[in-house]
C-alpha atoms as a PDB file:
ATOM      1  CA  UNK A   1     101.713 160.591  90.621  1.00  0.00           C
ATOM      2  CA  UNK A   2     102.723 159.261  94.034  1.00  0.00           C
ATOM      3  CA  UNK A   3      99.862 156.938  95.013  1.00  0.00           C
ATOM      4  CA  UNK A   4     101.041 156.790  98.618  1.00  0.00           C
ATOM      5  CA  UNK A   5     100.536 160.532  99.059  1.00  0.00           C
ATOM      6  CA  UNK A   6      97.180 160.779  97.327  1.00  0.00           C
ATOM      7  CA  UNK A   7      93.916 159.761  98.880  1.00  0.00           C
ATOM      8  CA  UNK A   8      91.051 157.962  97.203  1.00  0.00           C
ATOM      9  CA  UNK A   9      89.248 161.260  96.566  1.00  0.00           C
ATOM     10  CA  UNK A  10      92.306 162.716  94.791  1.00  0.00           C
ATOM     11  CA  UNK A  11      92.658 159.657  92.551  1.00  0.00           C
ATOM     12  CA  UNK A  12      88.953 159.688  91.678  1.00  0.00           C
ATOM     13  CA  UNK A  13      89.248 163.410  90.957  1.00  0.00           C
ATOM     14  CA  UNK A  14      92.170 162.722  88.575  1.00  0.00           C
ATOM     15  CA  UNK A  15      89.854 160.370  86.679  1.00  0.00           C
ATOM     16  CA  UNK A  16      87.209 163.130  86.479  1.00  0.00           C
ATOM     17  CA  UNK A  17      84.924 161.629  89.135  1.00  0.00           C
ATOM     18  CA  UNK A  18      83.669 164.048  91.791  1.00  0.00           C
ATOM     19  CA  UNK A  19      82.836 163.059  95.371  1.00  0.00           C
ATOM     20  CA  UNK A  20      79.071 163.722  95.086  1.00  0.00           C
ATOM     21  CA  UNK A  21      78.780 162.819  91.424  1.00  0.00           C
ATOM     22  CA  UNK A  22      75.902 160.552  90.487  1.00  0.00           C
ATOM     23  CA  UNK A  23      76.226 157.662  88.081  1.00  0.00           C
ATOM     24  CA  UNK A  24      76.554 158.752  84.451  1.00  0.00           C
ATOM     25  CA  UNK A  25      73.653 158.686  82.067  1.00  0.00           C
ATOM     26  CA  UNK A  26      74.296 155.974  79.547  1.00  0.00           C
ATOM     27  CA  UNK A  27      72.985 156.673  76.060  1.00  0.00           C
ATOM     28  CA  UNK A  28      72.323 153.471  74.163  1.00  0.00           C
ATOM     29  CA  UNK A  29      71.879 152.977  70.459  1.00  0.00           C
ATOM     30  CA  UNK A  30      68.686 151.317  69.349  1.00  0.00           C
ATOM     31  CA  UNK A  31      68.784 147.568  69.951  1.00  0.00           C
ATOM     32  CA  UNK A  32      71.593 147.666  72.557  1.00  0.00           C
ATOM     33  CA  UNK A  33      71.016 146.069  75.931  1.00  0.00           C
ATOM     34  CA  UNK A  34      71.371 148.313  78.974  1.00  0.00           C
ATOM     35  CA  UNK A  35      74.312 147.578  81.285  1.00  0.00           C
ATOM     36  CA  UNK A  36      73.157 146.039  84.545  1.00  0.00           C
ATOM     37  CA  UNK A  37      74.340 147.916  87.625  1.00  0.00           C
ATOM     38  CA  UNK A  38      72.744 146.984  90.927  1.00  0.00           C
ATOM     39  CA  UNK A  39      73.250 148.942  94.136  1.00  0.00           C
ATOM     40  CA  UNK A  40      75.952 147.602  96.445  1.00  0.00           C
ATOM     41  CA  UNK A  41      74.666 146.168  99.705  1.00  0.00           C
ATOM     42  CA  UNK A  42      76.346 145.385 102.996  1.00  0.00           C
ATOM     43  CA  UNK A  43      75.472 141.689 102.555  1.00  0.00           C
ATOM     44  CA  UNK A  44      77.295 141.369  99.226  1.00  0.00           C
ATOM     45  CA  UNK A  45      80.156 138.919  99.038  1.00  0.00           C
ATOM     46  CA  UNK A  46      83.571 140.458  98.206  1.00  0.00           C
ATOM     47  CA  UNK A  47      83.573 139.311  94.570  1.00  0.00           C
ATOM     48  CA  UNK A  48      80.122 140.810  93.865  1.00  0.00           C
ATOM     49  CA  UNK A  49      81.046 144.028  95.666  1.00  0.00           C
ATOM     50  CA  UNK A  50      84.253 144.321  93.609  1.00  0.00           C
ATOM     51  CA  UNK A  51      82.374 143.672  90.369  1.00  0.00           C
ATOM     52  CA  UNK A  52      79.794 146.341  91.288  1.00  0.00           C
ATOM     53  CA  UNK A  53      82.556 148.836  92.141  1.00  0.00           C
ATOM     54  CA  UNK A  54      84.595 148.185  88.974  1.00  0.00           C
ATOM     55  CA  UNK A  55      81.570 148.334  86.656  1.00  0.00           C
ATOM     56  CA  UNK A  56      80.460 151.613  88.257  1.00  0.00           C
ATOM     57  CA  UNK A  57      83.938 153.100  87.977  1.00  0.00           C
ATOM     58  CA  UNK A  58      84.492 151.981  84.379  1.00  0.00           C
ATOM     59  CA  UNK A  59      81.030 153.173  83.283  1.00  0.00           C
ATOM     60  CA  UNK A  60      82.194 156.681  84.170  1.00  0.00           C
ATOM     61  CA  UNK A  61      85.133 156.295  81.787  1.00  0.00           C
ATOM     62  CA  UNK A  62      83.425 154.474  78.897  1.00  0.00           C
ATOM     63  CA  UNK A  63      80.320 152.218  78.848  1.00  0.00           C
ATOM     64  CA  UNK A  64      82.154 149.910  76.391  1.00  0.00           C
ATOM     65  CA  UNK A  65      84.299 148.485  79.230  1.00  0.00           C
ATOM     66  CA  UNK A  66      83.365 145.299  81.050  1.00  0.00           C
ATOM     67  CA  UNK A  67      85.143 143.164  83.633  1.00  0.00           C
ATOM     68  CA  UNK A  68      85.923 139.499  84.134  1.00  0.00           C
ATOM     69  CA  UNK A  69      86.899 138.536  87.696  1.00  0.00           C
ATOM     70  CA  UNK A  70      88.699 135.341  88.708  1.00  0.00           C
ATOM     71  CA  UNK A  71      89.256 134.591  92.396  1.00  0.00           C
ATOM     72  CA  UNK A  72      92.469 132.811  93.450  1.00  0.00           C
ATOM     73  CA  UNK A  73      92.317 132.364  97.229  1.00  0.00           C
ATOM     74  CA  UNK A  74      92.365 135.933  98.629  1.00  0.00           C
ATOM     75  CA  UNK A  75      93.362 137.579  95.305  1.00  0.00           C
ATOM     76  CA  UNK A  76      90.870 138.838  92.727  1.00  0.00           C
ATOM     77  CA  UNK A  77      92.325 139.002  89.214  1.00  0.00           C
ATOM     78  CA  UNK A  78      90.270 141.495  87.234  1.00  0.00           C
ATOM     79  CA  UNK A  79      90.579 141.643  83.448  1.00  0.00           C
ATOM     80  CA  UNK A  80      89.190 144.848  81.926  1.00  0.00           C
ATOM     81  CA  UNK A  81      87.645 144.002  78.551  1.00  0.00           C
ATOM     82  CA  UNK A  82      86.317 146.075  75.654  1.00  0.00           C
ATOM     83  CA  UNK A  83      86.746 149.790  75.111  1.00  0.00           C
ATOM     84  CA  UNK A  84      90.132 151.412  74.625  1.00  0.00           C
ATOM     85  CA  UNK A  85      92.635 149.265  76.564  1.00  0.00           C
ATOM     86  CA  UNK A  86      95.334 151.921  76.132  1.00  0.00           C
ATOM     87  CA  UNK A  87      93.197 154.442  78.007  1.00  0.00           C
ATOM     88  CA  UNK A  88      92.895 152.273  81.127  1.00  0.00           C
ATOM     89  CA  UNK A  89      96.526 151.141  80.919  1.00  0.00           C
ATOM     90  CA  UNK A  90      97.935 154.663  80.580  1.00  0.00           C
ATOM     91  CA  UNK A  91     101.552 155.659  80.083  1.00  0.00           C
ATOM     92  CA  UNK A  92     103.834 152.915  81.450  1.00  0.00           C
ATOM     93  CA  UNK A  93     100.784 151.315  83.116  1.00  0.00           C
ATOM     94  CA  UNK A  94     100.254 154.217  85.533  1.00  0.00           C
ATOM     95  CA  UNK A  95      96.501 154.548  84.976  1.00  0.00           C
ATOM     96  CA  UNK A  96      96.045 150.805  85.462  1.00  0.00           C
ATOM     97  CA  UNK A  97      98.153 151.019  88.620  1.00  0.00           C
ATOM     98  CA  UNK A  98      96.003 153.908  89.922  1.00  0.00           C
ATOM     99  CA  UNK A  99      92.770 152.041  89.155  1.00  0.00           C
ATOM    100  CA  UNK A 100      94.181 148.998  90.968  1.00  0.00           C
ATOM    101  CA  UNK A 101      95.067 151.178  93.967  1.00  0.00           C
ATOM    102  CA  UNK A 102      91.526 152.633  94.036  1.00  0.00           C
ATOM    103  CA  UNK A 103      89.972 149.151  93.828  1.00  0.00           C
ATOM    104  CA  UNK A 104      92.173 147.903  96.690  1.00  0.00           C
ATOM    105  CA  UNK A 105      91.289 150.921  98.852  1.00  0.00           C
ATOM    106  CA  UNK A 106      87.564 150.418  98.168  1.00  0.00           C
ATOM    107  CA  UNK A 107      87.800 146.715  99.082  1.00  0.00           C
ATOM    108  CA  UNK A 108      89.801 147.489 102.232  1.00  0.00           C
ATOM    109  CA  UNK A 109      87.187 150.051 103.335  1.00  0.00           C
ATOM    110  CA  UNK A 110      84.387 147.506 102.976  1.00  0.00           C
ATOM    111  CA  UNK A 111      86.083 144.210 103.907  1.00  0.00           C
ATOM    112  CA  UNK A 112      89.407 145.043 105.589  1.00  0.00           C
ATOM    113  CA  UNK A 113      92.797 144.003 104.253  1.00  0.00           C
ATOM    114  CA  UNK A 114      91.958 140.330 103.661  1.00  0.00           C
ATOM    115  CA  UNK A 115      91.492 140.765  99.891  1.00  0.00           C
ATOM    116  CA  UNK A 116      93.847 141.961  97.168  1.00  0.00           C
ATOM    117  CA  UNK A 117      92.864 143.150  93.692  1.00  0.00           C
ATOM    118  CA  UNK A 118      95.132 142.755  90.644  1.00  0.00           C
ATOM    119  CA  UNK A 119      93.991 144.523  87.465  1.00  0.00           C
ATOM    120  CA  UNK A 120      94.952 143.813  83.881  1.00  0.00           C
ATOM    121  CA  UNK A 121      93.803 145.201  80.547  1.00  0.00           C
ATOM    122  CA  UNK A 122      94.690 143.965  77.089  1.00  0.00           C
ATOM    123  CA  UNK A 123      97.151 141.468  78.620  1.00  0.00           C
ATOM    124  CA  UNK A 124      99.445 144.356  79.679  1.00  0.00           C
ATOM    125  CA  UNK A 125     100.308 142.952  83.117  1.00  0.00           C
ATOM    126  CA  UNK A 126     100.847 139.425  81.762  1.00  0.00           C
ATOM    127  CA  UNK A 127     103.232 140.719  79.083  1.00  0.00           C
ATOM    128  CA  UNK A 128     105.042 142.850  81.668  1.00  0.00           C
ATOM    129  CA  UNK A 129     105.458 139.838  83.984  1.00  0.00           C
ATOM    130  CA  UNK A 130     106.857 137.783  81.091  1.00  0.00           C
ATOM    131  CA  UNK A 131     109.324 140.602  80.324  1.00  0.00           C
ATOM    132  CA  UNK A 132     110.421 140.665  83.983  1.00  0.00           C
ATOM    133  CA  UNK A 133     110.848 136.866  84.006  1.00  0.00           C
ATOM    134  CA  UNK A 134     113.079 137.050  80.924  1.00  0.00           C
ATOM    135  CA  UNK A 135     115.078 139.901  82.488  1.00  0.00           C
ATOM    136  CA  UNK A 136     115.533 137.908  85.714  1.00  0.00           C
ATOM    137  CA  UNK A 137     116.604 134.765  83.794  1.00  0.00           C
ATOM    138  CA  UNK A 138     119.164 136.757  81.764  1.00  0.00           C
ATOM    139  CA  UNK A 139     120.526 138.350  84.958  1.00  0.00           C
ATOM    140  CA  UNK A 140     120.905 134.898  86.558  1.00  0.00           C
ATOM    141  CA  UNK A 141     122.855 133.653  83.511  1.00  0.00           C
ATOM    142  CA  UNK A 142     125.161 136.684  83.633  1.00  0.00           C
ATOM    143  CA  UNK A 143     125.788 136.282  87.394  1.00  0.00           C
ATOM    144  CA  UNK A 144     126.498 132.556  86.998  1.00  0.00           C
ATOM    145  CA  UNK A 145     128.868 133.199  84.090  1.00  0.00           C
ATOM    146  CA  UNK A 146     130.799 136.104  85.646  1.00  0.00           C
ATOM    147  CA  UNK A 147     130.365 135.594  89.393  1.00  0.00           C
ATOM    148  CA  UNK A 148     129.690 139.365  89.595  1.00  0.00           C
ATOM    149  CA  UNK A 149     126.491 141.176  90.716  1.00  0.00           C
ATOM    150  CA  UNK A 150     124.145 142.381  87.976  1.00  0.00           C
ATOM    151  CA  UNK A 151     122.095 145.562  88.428  1.00  0.00           C
ATOM    152  CA  UNK A 152     118.648 145.651  86.836  1.00  0.00           C
ATOM    153  CA  UNK A 153     117.048 148.940  85.686  1.00  0.00           C
ATOM    154  CA  UNK A 154     114.885 150.966  88.108  1.00  0.00           C
ATOM    155  CA  UNK A 155     111.438 149.446  88.667  1.00  0.00           C
ATOM    156  CA  UNK A 156     108.201 150.055  90.508  1.00  0.00           C
ATOM    157  CA  UNK A 157     107.829 148.301  93.901  1.00  0.00           C
ATOM    158  CA  UNK A 158     105.460 145.667  92.485  1.00  0.00           C
ATOM    159  CA  UNK A 159     107.968 144.785  89.744  1.00  0.00           C
ATOM    160  CA  UNK A 160     110.874 144.574  92.210  1.00  0.00           C
ATOM    161  CA  UNK A 161     108.754 142.348  94.459  1.00  0.00           C
ATOM    162  CA  UNK A 162     108.063 140.000  91.538  1.00  0.00           C
ATOM    163  CA  UNK A 163     111.808 139.677  90.780  1.00  0.00           C
ATOM    164  CA  UNK A 164     112.557 138.979  94.468  1.00  0.00           C
ATOM    165  CA  UNK A 165     109.819 136.312  94.626  1.00  0.00           C
ATOM    166  CA  UNK A 166     110.953 134.667  91.367  1.00  0.00           C
ATOM    167  CA  UNK A 167     114.566 134.328  92.550  1.00  0.00           C
ATOM    168  CA  UNK A 168     113.960 133.750  96.271  1.00  0.00           C
ATOM    169  CA  UNK A 169     114.469 129.980  96.097  1.00  0.00           C
ATOM    170  CA  UNK A 170     117.189 130.033  93.429  1.00  0.00           C
ATOM    171  CA  UNK A 171     120.155 127.900  94.599  1.00  0.00           C
ATOM    172  CA  UNK A 172     122.946 130.051  93.110  1.00  0.00           C
ATOM    173  CA  UNK A 173     121.734 133.691  93.260  1.00  0.00           C
ATOM    174  CA  UNK A 174     120.012 136.042  95.675  1.00  0.00           C
ATOM    175  CA  UNK A 175     118.556 139.545  95.275  1.00  0.00           C
ATOM    176  CA  UNK A 176     118.503 142.868  97.074  1.00  0.00           C
ATOM    177  CA  UNK A 177     117.019 146.295  96.327  1.00  0.00           C
ATOM    178  CA  UNK A 178     119.227 149.385  96.382  1.00  0.00           C
ATOM    179  CA  UNK A 179     118.757 153.089  95.649  1.00  0.00           C
ATOM    180  CA  UNK A 180     116.127 155.623  96.595  1.00  0.00           C
ATOM    181  CA  UNK A 181     112.837 156.747  95.071  1.00  0.00           C
ATOM    182  CA  UNK A 182     112.486 156.241  91.336  1.00  0.00           C
ATOM    183  CA  UNK A 183     116.125 155.084  91.074  1.00  0.00           C
ATOM    184  CA  UNK A 184     115.477 152.068  93.351  1.00  0.00           C
ATOM    185  CA  UNK A 185     116.370 148.834  91.556  1.00  0.00           C
ATOM    186  CA  UNK A 186     117.141 145.149  92.064  1.00  0.00           C
ATOM    187  CA  UNK A 187     120.672 143.752  92.187  1.00  0.00           C
ATOM    188  CA  UNK A 188     121.121 140.026  91.475  1.00  0.00           C
ATOM    189  CA  UNK A 189     124.093 138.636  93.438  1.00  0.00           C
ATOM    190  CA  UNK A 190     125.863 135.282  93.638  1.00  0.00           C
ATOM    191  CA  UNK A 191     124.560 133.334  96.629  1.00  0.00           C
ATOM    192  CA  UNK A 192     127.268 132.617  99.215  1.00  0.00           C
ATOM    193  CA  UNK A 193     128.109 128.922  99.751  1.00  0.00           C
ATOM    194  CA  UNK A 194     126.855 128.926 103.363  1.00  0.00           C
ATOM    195  CA  UNK A 195     123.544 130.545 102.255  1.00  0.00           C
ATOM    196  CA  UNK A 196     123.035 127.898  99.549  1.00  0.00           C
ATOM    197  CA  UNK A 197     123.505 125.089 102.098  1.00  0.00           C
ATOM    198  CA  UNK A 198     121.007 126.666 104.507  1.00  0.00           C
END
């Protein structure tokens, strides 16, 4: 799925949510507390609006999901808890990426581009970031040992960006992205002497 080519309605449709669909009926077992979903209002702060949106979206998938939101400056880190984490992560994290895209579009429609949403479920994103950090560290060691560029495997834009940010200030290596489409990948190169001095 190419998120750039699909609109919000298409992504919601892929998740089985129609444009005019009302909120799902939640059937509770005896003794369970009802999930609290309040209508979104124009006066809501961004964090409350995001929580309302995510709870409403996840209720349509499975009432067992809940969210925990931590704000770090203009970034909201949303951890999806409960339910089947694999279902919201999807194959190679694509469902999680689509949900993140939808959340960012919804926030941009209501508040502009000042806020960014980062989703995680079952620690998937954290583990992926740790894997990328190890991959970057190994590439740096290989470049330092051989003096030759090292090509990393193809990655999504967000993963390439993380590698670039991690190695941006490194004194002995630099990075660039090469290739097109799904073959686009990061190359770790030795930093030239004049670049290192600058």
